[in-house]
Amino acid sequence: RVVLPEGLAVSAEPGIYLPGRFGVRIEDVI
């Protein structure tokens, strides 16, 4: 619930992980 400040560098990295099968993650920095 923290209000994020201007100039913050934060990763953008959602993912889906299917146990024992495969996973996908894509990450940028904004």
PDB file of all heavy atoms in Angstrom:
ATOM      1  N   ARG A   1       0.828  -1.206   0.000  1.00  0.00           N
ATOM      2  CA  ARG A   1       0.000   0.000   0.000  1.00  0.00           C
ATOM      3  C   ARG A   1       0.863   1.257   0.000  1.00  0.00           C
ATOM      4  O   ARG A   1       0.363   2.352   0.256  1.00  0.00           O
ATOM      5  CB  ARG A   1      -0.925   0.001   1.223  1.00  0.00           C
ATOM      6  CG  ARG A   1      -1.843  -1.212   1.334  1.00  0.00           C
ATOM      7  CD  ARG A   1      -2.622  -1.479   0.057  1.00  0.00           C
ATOM      8  NE  ARG A   1      -3.475  -0.368  -0.292  1.00  0.00           N
ATOM      9  CZ  ARG A   1      -4.764  -0.273   0.054  1.00  0.00           C
ATOM     10  NH1 ARG A   1      -5.333  -1.245   0.748  1.00  0.00           N
ATOM     11  NH2 ARG A   1      -5.482   0.768  -0.311  1.00  0.00           N
ATOM     12  N   VAL A   2       2.140   1.100  -0.288  1.00  0.00           N
ATOM     13  CA  VAL A   2       3.051   2.242  -0.364  1.00  0.00           C
ATOM     14  C   VAL A   2       2.812   2.988  -1.668  1.00  0.00           C
ATOM     15  O   VAL A   2       2.733   2.385  -2.738  1.00  0.00           O
ATOM     16  CB  VAL A   2       4.520   1.772  -0.292  1.00  0.00           C
ATOM     17  CG1 VAL A   2       5.473   2.953  -0.448  1.00  0.00           C
ATOM     18  CG2 VAL A   2       4.775   1.039   1.016  1.00  0.00           C
ATOM     19  N   VAL A   3       2.691   4.307  -1.578  1.00  0.00           N
ATOM     20  CA  VAL A   3       2.581   5.140  -2.773  1.00  0.00           C
ATOM     21  C   VAL A   3       3.968   5.251  -3.395  1.00  0.00           C
ATOM     22  O   VAL A   3       4.914   5.714  -2.757  1.00  0.00           O
ATOM     23  CB  VAL A   3       2.025   6.535  -2.433  1.00  0.00           C
ATOM     24  CG1 VAL A   3       2.032   7.429  -3.669  1.00  0.00           C
ATOM     25  CG2 VAL A   3       0.613   6.415  -1.869  1.00  0.00           C
ATOM     26  N   LEU A   4       4.104   4.807  -4.633  1.00  0.00           N
ATOM     27  CA  LEU A   4       5.412   4.712  -5.262  1.00  0.00           C
ATOM     28  C   LEU A   4       5.878   6.066  -5.790  1.00  0.00           C
ATOM     29  O   LEU A   4       5.111   6.786  -6.426  1.00  0.00           O
ATOM     30  CB  LEU A   4       5.367   3.685  -6.392  1.00  0.00           C
ATOM     31  CG  LEU A   4       4.893   2.282  -5.972  1.00  0.00           C
ATOM     32  CD1 LEU A   4       4.911   1.348  -7.173  1.00  0.00           C
ATOM     33  CD2 LEU A   4       5.746   1.730  -4.840  1.00  0.00           C
ATOM     34  N   PRO A   5       7.147   6.417  -5.535  1.00  0.00           N
ATOM     35  CA  PRO A   5       7.645   7.745  -5.907  1.00  0.00           C
ATOM     36  C   PRO A   5       8.099   7.837  -7.356  1.00  0.00           C
ATOM     37  O   PRO A   5       8.452   6.829  -7.981  1.00  0.00           O
ATOM     38  CB  PRO A   5       8.836   7.936  -4.967  1.00  0.00           C
ATOM     39  CG  PRO A   5       9.374   6.550  -4.792  1.00  0.00           C
ATOM     40  CD  PRO A   5       8.155   5.651  -4.770  1.00  0.00           C
ATOM     41  N   GLU A   6       8.115   9.044  -7.869  1.00  0.00           N
ATOM     42  CA  GLU A   6       8.673   9.274  -9.194  1.00  0.00           C
ATOM     43  C   GLU A   6      10.168   9.001  -9.155  1.00  0.00           C
ATOM     44  O   GLU A   6      10.870   9.399  -8.219  1.00  0.00           O
ATOM     45  CB  GLU A   6       8.409  10.708  -9.642  1.00  0.00           C
ATOM     46  CG  GLU A   6       8.883  10.995 -11.051  1.00  0.00           C
ATOM     47  CD  GLU A   6       8.410  12.339 -11.588  1.00  0.00           C
ATOM     48  OE1 GLU A   6       7.720  13.056 -10.845  1.00  0.00           O
ATOM     49  OE2 GLU A   6       8.741  12.643 -12.755  1.00  0.00           O
ATOM     50  N   GLY A   7      10.663   8.302 -10.171  1.00  0.00           N
ATOM     51  CA  GLY A   7      12.074   7.946 -10.219  1.00  0.00           C
ATOM     52  C   GLY A   7      12.377   6.562  -9.693  1.00  0.00           C
ATOM     53  O   GLY A   7      13.526   6.114  -9.751  1.00  0.00           O
ATOM     54  N   LEU A   8      11.365   5.858  -9.201  1.00  0.00           N
ATOM     55  CA  LEU A   8      11.571   4.494  -8.723  1.00  0.00           C
ATOM     56  C   LEU A   8      11.856   3.567  -9.905  1.00  0.00           C
ATOM     57  O   LEU A   8      11.158   3.596 -10.911  1.00  0.00           O
ATOM     58  CB  LEU A   8      10.334   4.000  -7.975  1.00  0.00           C
ATOM     59  CG  LEU A   8      10.433   2.592  -7.377  1.00  0.00           C
ATOM     60  CD1 LEU A   8      11.322   2.594  -6.144  1.00  0.00           C
ATOM     61  CD2 LEU A   8       9.044   2.057  -7.014  1.00  0.00           C
ATOM     62  N   ALA A   9      12.884   2.731  -9.767  1.00  0.00           N
ATOM     63  CA  ALA A   9      13.166   1.689 -10.762  1.00  0.00           C
ATOM     64  C   ALA A   9      12.586   0.391 -10.236  1.00  0.00           C
ATOM     65  O   ALA A   9      12.935  -0.059  -9.142  1.00  0.00           O
ATOM     66  CB  ALA A   9      14.670   1.547 -10.972  1.00  0.00           C
ATOM     67  N   VAL A  10      11.686  -0.209 -11.006  1.00  0.00           N
ATOM     68  CA  VAL A  10      11.007  -1.417 -10.540  1.00  0.00           C
ATOM     69  C   VAL A  10      10.930  -2.445 -11.667  1.00  0.00           C
ATOM     70  O   VAL A  10      10.782  -2.091 -12.842  1.00  0.00           O
ATOM     71  CB  VAL A  10       9.599  -1.073  -9.989  1.00  0.00           C
ATOM     72  CG1 VAL A  10       8.714  -0.504 -11.070  1.00  0.00           C
ATOM     73  CG2 VAL A  10       8.936  -2.274  -9.329  1.00  0.00           C
ATOM     74  N   SER A  11      11.069  -3.706 -11.304  1.00  0.00           N
ATOM     75  CA  SER A  11      10.974  -4.763 -12.310  1.00  0.00           C
ATOM     76  C   SER A  11       9.517  -5.020 -12.663  1.00  0.00           C
ATOM     77  O   SER A  11       8.620  -4.796 -11.852  1.00  0.00           O
ATOM     78  CB  SER A  11      11.624  -6.052 -11.798  1.00  0.00           C
ATOM     79  OG  SER A  11      10.902  -6.594 -10.709  1.00  0.00           O
ATOM     80  N   ALA A  12       9.310  -5.479 -13.877  1.00  0.00           N
ATOM     81  CA  ALA A  12       7.975  -5.854 -14.357  1.00  0.00           C
ATOM     82  C   ALA A  12       8.073  -7.310 -14.776  1.00  0.00           C
ATOM     83  O   ALA A  12       8.479  -7.616 -15.897  1.00  0.00           O
ATOM     84  CB  ALA A  12       7.563  -4.965 -15.531  1.00  0.00           C
ATOM     85  N   GLU A  13       7.709  -8.240 -13.870  1.00  0.00           N
ATOM     86  CA  GLU A  13       8.043  -9.647 -14.116  1.00  0.00           C
ATOM     87  C   GLU A  13       6.973 -10.641 -13.663  1.00  0.00           C
ATOM     88  O   GLU A  13       7.216 -11.481 -12.803  1.00  0.00           O
ATOM     89  CB  GLU A  13       9.369 -10.000 -13.456  1.00  0.00           C
ATOM     90  CG  GLU A  13       9.471  -9.662 -11.973  1.00  0.00           C
ATOM     91  CD  GLU A  13      10.760 -10.190 -11.363  1.00  0.00           C
ATOM     92  OE1 GLU A  13      11.093 -11.362 -11.602  1.00  0.00           O
ATOM     93  OE2 GLU A  13      11.416  -9.422 -10.643  1.00  0.00           O
ATOM     94  N   PRO A  14       5.784 -10.586 -14.251  1.00  0.00           N
ATOM     95  CA  PRO A  14       4.803 -11.627 -13.930  1.00  0.00           C
ATOM     96  C   PRO A  14       5.243 -12.969 -14.503  1.00  0.00           C
ATOM     97  O   PRO A  14       6.088 -13.035 -15.404  1.00  0.00           O
ATOM     98  CB  PRO A  14       3.538 -11.125 -14.619  1.00  0.00           C
ATOM     99  CG  PRO A  14       4.051 -10.346 -15.791  1.00  0.00           C
ATOM    100  CD  PRO A  14       5.308  -9.664 -15.303  1.00  0.00           C
ATOM    101  N   GLY A  15       4.660 -14.030 -13.989  1.00  0.00           N
ATOM    102  CA  GLY A  15       4.992 -15.353 -14.501  1.00  0.00           C
ATOM    103  C   GLY A  15       3.882 -16.348 -14.225  1.00  0.00           C
ATOM    104  O   GLY A  15       3.015 -16.121 -13.374  1.00  0.00           O
ATOM    105  N   ILE A  16       3.906 -17.434 -14.939  1.00  0.00           N
ATOM    106  CA  ILE A  16       3.010 -18.569 -14.714  1.00  0.00           C
ATOM    107  C   ILE A  16       3.891 -19.805 -14.633  1.00  0.00           C
ATOM    108  O   ILE A  16       4.745 -20.034 -15.506  1.00  0.00           O
ATOM    109  CB  ILE A  16       1.981 -18.725 -15.844  1.00  0.00           C
ATOM    110  CG1 ILE A  16       1.007 -17.532 -15.861  1.00  0.00           C
ATOM    111  CG2 ILE A  16       1.206 -20.035 -15.701  1.00  0.00           C
ATOM    112  CD1 ILE A  16       0.053 -17.539 -17.048  1.00  0.00           C
ATOM    113  N   TYR A  17       3.693 -20.612 -13.576  1.00  0.00           N
ATOM    114  CA  TYR A  17       4.542 -21.761 -13.323  1.00  0.00           C
ATOM    115  C   TYR A  17       3.673 -22.998 -13.068  1.00  0.00           C
ATOM    116  O   TYR A  17       2.981 -23.075 -12.049  1.00  0.00           O
ATOM    117  CB  TYR A  17       5.443 -21.487 -12.108  1.00  0.00           C
ATOM    118  CG  TYR A  17       6.130 -20.143 -12.200  1.00  0.00           C
ATOM    119  CD1 TYR A  17       5.565 -19.018 -11.592  1.00  0.00           C
ATOM    120  CD2 TYR A  17       7.308 -19.976 -12.926  1.00  0.00           C
ATOM    121  CE1 TYR A  17       6.170 -17.771 -11.694  1.00  0.00           C
ATOM    122  CE2 TYR A  17       7.918 -18.739 -13.031  1.00  0.00           C
ATOM    123  CZ  TYR A  17       7.337 -17.632 -12.417  1.00  0.00           C
ATOM    124  OH  TYR A  17       7.930 -16.403 -12.526  1.00  0.00           O
ATOM    125  N   LEU A  18       3.694 -23.924 -13.995  1.00  0.00           N
ATOM    126  CA  LEU A  18       2.907 -25.149 -13.900  1.00  0.00           C
ATOM    127  C   LEU A  18       3.819 -26.252 -13.376  1.00  0.00           C
ATOM    128  O   LEU A  18       4.687 -26.747 -14.112  1.00  0.00           O
ATOM    129  CB  LEU A  18       2.338 -25.518 -15.274  1.00  0.00           C
ATOM    130  CG  LEU A  18       1.520 -24.412 -15.971  1.00  0.00           C
ATOM    131  CD1 LEU A  18       1.036 -24.896 -17.329  1.00  0.00           C
ATOM    132  CD2 LEU A  18       0.348 -23.962 -15.094  1.00  0.00           C
ATOM    133  N   PRO A  19       3.674 -26.629 -12.102  1.00  0.00           N
ATOM    134  CA  PRO A  19       4.629 -27.543 -11.458  1.00  0.00           C
ATOM    135  C   PRO A  19       4.851 -28.832 -12.236  1.00  0.00           C
ATOM    136  O   PRO A  19       3.909 -29.480 -12.698  1.00  0.00           O
ATOM    137  CB  PRO A  19       3.970 -27.834 -10.100  1.00  0.00           C
ATOM    138  CG  PRO A  19       3.117 -26.630  -9.828  1.00  0.00           C
ATOM    139  CD  PRO A  19       2.596 -26.216 -11.178  1.00  0.00           C
ATOM    140  N   GLY A  20       6.136 -29.157 -12.409  1.00  0.00           N
ATOM    141  CA  GLY A  20       6.506 -30.391 -13.088  1.00  0.00           C
ATOM    142  C   GLY A  20       6.350 -30.366 -14.589  1.00  0.00           C
ATOM    143  O   GLY A  20       6.652 -31.362 -15.259  1.00  0.00           O
ATOM    144  N   ARG A  21       5.894 -29.245 -15.136  1.00  0.00           N
ATOM    145  CA  ARG A  21       5.654 -29.168 -16.579  1.00  0.00           C
ATOM    146  C   ARG A  21       6.515 -28.079 -17.229  1.00  0.00           C
ATOM    147  O   ARG A  21       7.475 -28.364 -17.918  1.00  0.00           O
ATOM    148  CB  ARG A  21       4.174 -28.926 -16.843  1.00  0.00           C
ATOM    149  CG  ARG A  21       3.281 -30.060 -16.287  1.00  0.00           C
ATOM    150  CD  ARG A  21       1.837 -29.807 -16.625  1.00  0.00           C
ATOM    151  NE  ARG A  21       1.673 -29.796 -18.088  1.00  0.00           N
ATOM    152  CZ  ARG A  21       0.728 -29.103 -18.718  1.00  0.00           C
ATOM    153  NH1 ARG A  21      -0.127 -28.362 -18.027  1.00  0.00           N
ATOM    154  NH2 ARG A  21       0.646 -29.149 -20.028  1.00  0.00           N
ATOM    155  N   PHE A  22       6.172 -26.829 -17.019  1.00  0.00           N
ATOM    156  CA  PHE A  22       6.968 -25.720 -17.556  1.00  0.00           C
ATOM    157  C   PHE A  22       6.520 -24.416 -16.911  1.00  0.00           C
ATOM    158  O   PHE A  22       5.477 -24.350 -16.247  1.00  0.00           O
ATOM    159  CB  PHE A  22       6.866 -25.621 -19.087  1.00  0.00           C
ATOM    160  CG  PHE A  22       5.484 -25.297 -19.604  1.00  0.00           C
ATOM    161  CD1 PHE A  22       5.026 -23.985 -19.666  1.00  0.00           C
ATOM    162  CD2 PHE A  22       4.641 -26.307 -20.051  1.00  0.00           C
ATOM    163  CE1 PHE A  22       3.758 -23.680 -20.148  1.00  0.00           C
ATOM    164  CE2 PHE A  22       3.367 -26.021 -20.545  1.00  0.00           C
ATOM    165  CZ  PHE A  22       2.930 -24.704 -20.581  1.00  0.00           C
ATOM    166  N   GLY A  23       7.319 -23.392 -17.110  1.00  0.00           N
ATOM    167  CA  GLY A  23       6.975 -22.066 -16.610  1.00  0.00           C
ATOM    168  C   GLY A  23       7.398 -21.005 -17.592  1.00  0.00           C
ATOM    169  O   GLY A  23       8.238 -21.236 -18.472  1.00  0.00           O
ATOM    170  N   VAL A  24       6.812 -19.812 -17.443  1.00  0.00           N
ATOM    171  CA  VAL A  24       7.135 -18.666 -18.294  1.00  0.00           C
ATOM    172  C   VAL A  24       7.238 -17.429 -17.409  1.00  0.00           C
ATOM    173  O   VAL A  24       6.362 -17.158 -16.581  1.00  0.00           O
ATOM    174  CB  VAL A  24       6.054 -18.428 -19.369  1.00  0.00           C
ATOM    175  CG1 VAL A  24       6.339 -17.126 -20.132  1.00  0.00           C
ATOM    176  CG2 VAL A  24       5.975 -19.603 -20.325  1.00  0.00           C
ATOM    177  N   ARG A  25       8.304 -16.672 -17.582  1.00  0.00           N
ATOM    178  CA  ARG A  25       8.427 -15.354 -16.951  1.00  0.00           C
ATOM    179  C   ARG A  25       9.032 -14.395 -17.969  1.00  0.00           C
ATOM    180  O   ARG A  25       9.934 -14.775 -18.722  1.00  0.00           O
ATOM    181  CB  ARG A  25       9.291 -15.401 -15.684  1.00  0.00           C
ATOM    182  CG  ARG A  25       9.394 -14.045 -14.983  1.00  0.00           C
ATOM    183  CD  ARG A  25      10.003 -14.141 -13.582  1.00  0.00           C
ATOM    184  NE  ARG A  25      11.382 -14.602 -13.563  1.00  0.00           N
ATOM    185  CZ  ARG A  25      11.756 -15.820 -13.235  1.00  0.00           C
ATOM    186  NH1 ARG A  25      10.855 -16.751 -12.939  1.00  0.00           N
ATOM    187  NH2 ARG A  25      13.039 -16.161 -13.237  1.00  0.00           N
ATOM    188  N   ILE A  26       8.531 -13.170 -17.993  1.00  0.00           N
ATOM    189  CA  ILE A  26       9.069 -12.110 -18.860  1.00  0.00           C
ATOM    190  C   ILE A  26       9.313 -10.913 -17.957  1.00  0.00           C
ATOM    191  O   ILE A  26       8.419 -10.492 -17.218  1.00  0.00           O
ATOM    192  CB  ILE A  26       8.076 -11.741 -19.974  1.00  0.00           C
ATOM    193  CG1 ILE A  26       7.682 -12.976 -20.787  1.00  0.00           C
ATOM    194  CG2 ILE A  26       8.679 -10.661 -20.880  1.00  0.00           C
ATOM    195  CD1 ILE A  26       6.507 -12.729 -21.729  1.00  0.00           C
ATOM    196  N   GLU A  27      10.521 -10.369 -18.017  1.00  0.00           N
ATOM    197  CA  GLU A  27      10.871  -9.270 -17.097  1.00  0.00           C
ATOM    198  C   GLU A  27      11.581  -8.125 -17.807  1.00  0.00           C
ATOM    199  O   GLU A  27      12.552  -8.331 -18.530  1.00  0.00           O
ATOM    200  CB  GLU A  27      11.780  -9.806 -15.990  1.00  0.00           C
ATOM    201  CG  GLU A  27      12.247  -8.748 -15.007  1.00  0.00           C
ATOM    202  CD  GLU A  27      13.222  -9.303 -13.985  1.00  0.00           C
ATOM    203  OE1 GLU A  27      13.780 -10.389 -14.228  1.00  0.00           O
ATOM    204  OE2 GLU A  27      13.431  -8.654 -12.949  1.00  0.00           O
ATOM    205  N   ASP A  28      11.072  -6.930 -17.580  1.00  0.00           N
ATOM    206  CA  ASP A  28      11.729  -5.685 -17.969  1.00  0.00           C
ATOM    207  C   ASP A  28      11.975  -4.868 -16.703  1.00  0.00           C
ATOM    208  O   ASP A  28      11.489  -5.213 -15.622  1.00  0.00           O
ATOM    209  CB  ASP A  28      10.840  -4.867 -18.912  1.00  0.00           C
ATOM    210  CG  ASP A  28      10.585  -5.544 -20.253  1.00  0.00           C
ATOM    211  OD1 ASP A  28      11.280  -6.533 -20.560  1.00  0.00           O
ATOM    212  OD2 ASP A  28       9.681  -5.096 -20.971  1.00  0.00           O
ATOM    213  N   VAL A  29      12.683  -3.757 -16.845  1.00  0.00           N
ATOM    214  CA  VAL A  29      12.813  -2.780 -15.750  1.00  0.00           C
ATOM    215  C   VAL A  29      12.236  -1.458 -16.227  1.00  0.00           C
ATOM    216  O   VAL A  29      12.546  -0.994 -17.336  1.00  0.00           O
ATOM    217  CB  VAL A  29      14.281  -2.608 -15.313  1.00  0.00           C
ATOM    218  CG1 VAL A  29      14.427  -1.421 -14.358  1.00  0.00           C
ATOM    219  CG2 VAL A  29      14.781  -3.878 -14.633  1.00  0.00           C
ATOM    220  N   ILE A  30      11.384  -0.862 -15.389  1.00  0.00           N
ATOM    221  CA  ILE A  30      10.750   0.402 -15.734  1.00  0.00           C
ATOM    222  C   ILE A  30      11.093   1.460 -14.689  1.00  0.00           C
ATOM    223  O   ILE A  30      11.346   1.144 -13.525  1.00  0.00           O
ATOM    224  CB  ILE A  30       9.208   0.244 -15.842  1.00  0.00           C
ATOM    225  CG1 ILE A  30       8.626  -0.326 -14.542  1.00  0.00           C
ATOM    226  CG2 ILE A  30       8.855  -0.662 -17.029  1.00  0.00           C
ATOM    227  CD1 ILE A  30       7.110  -0.477 -14.546  1.00  0.00           C
TER     228      ILE A  30
END
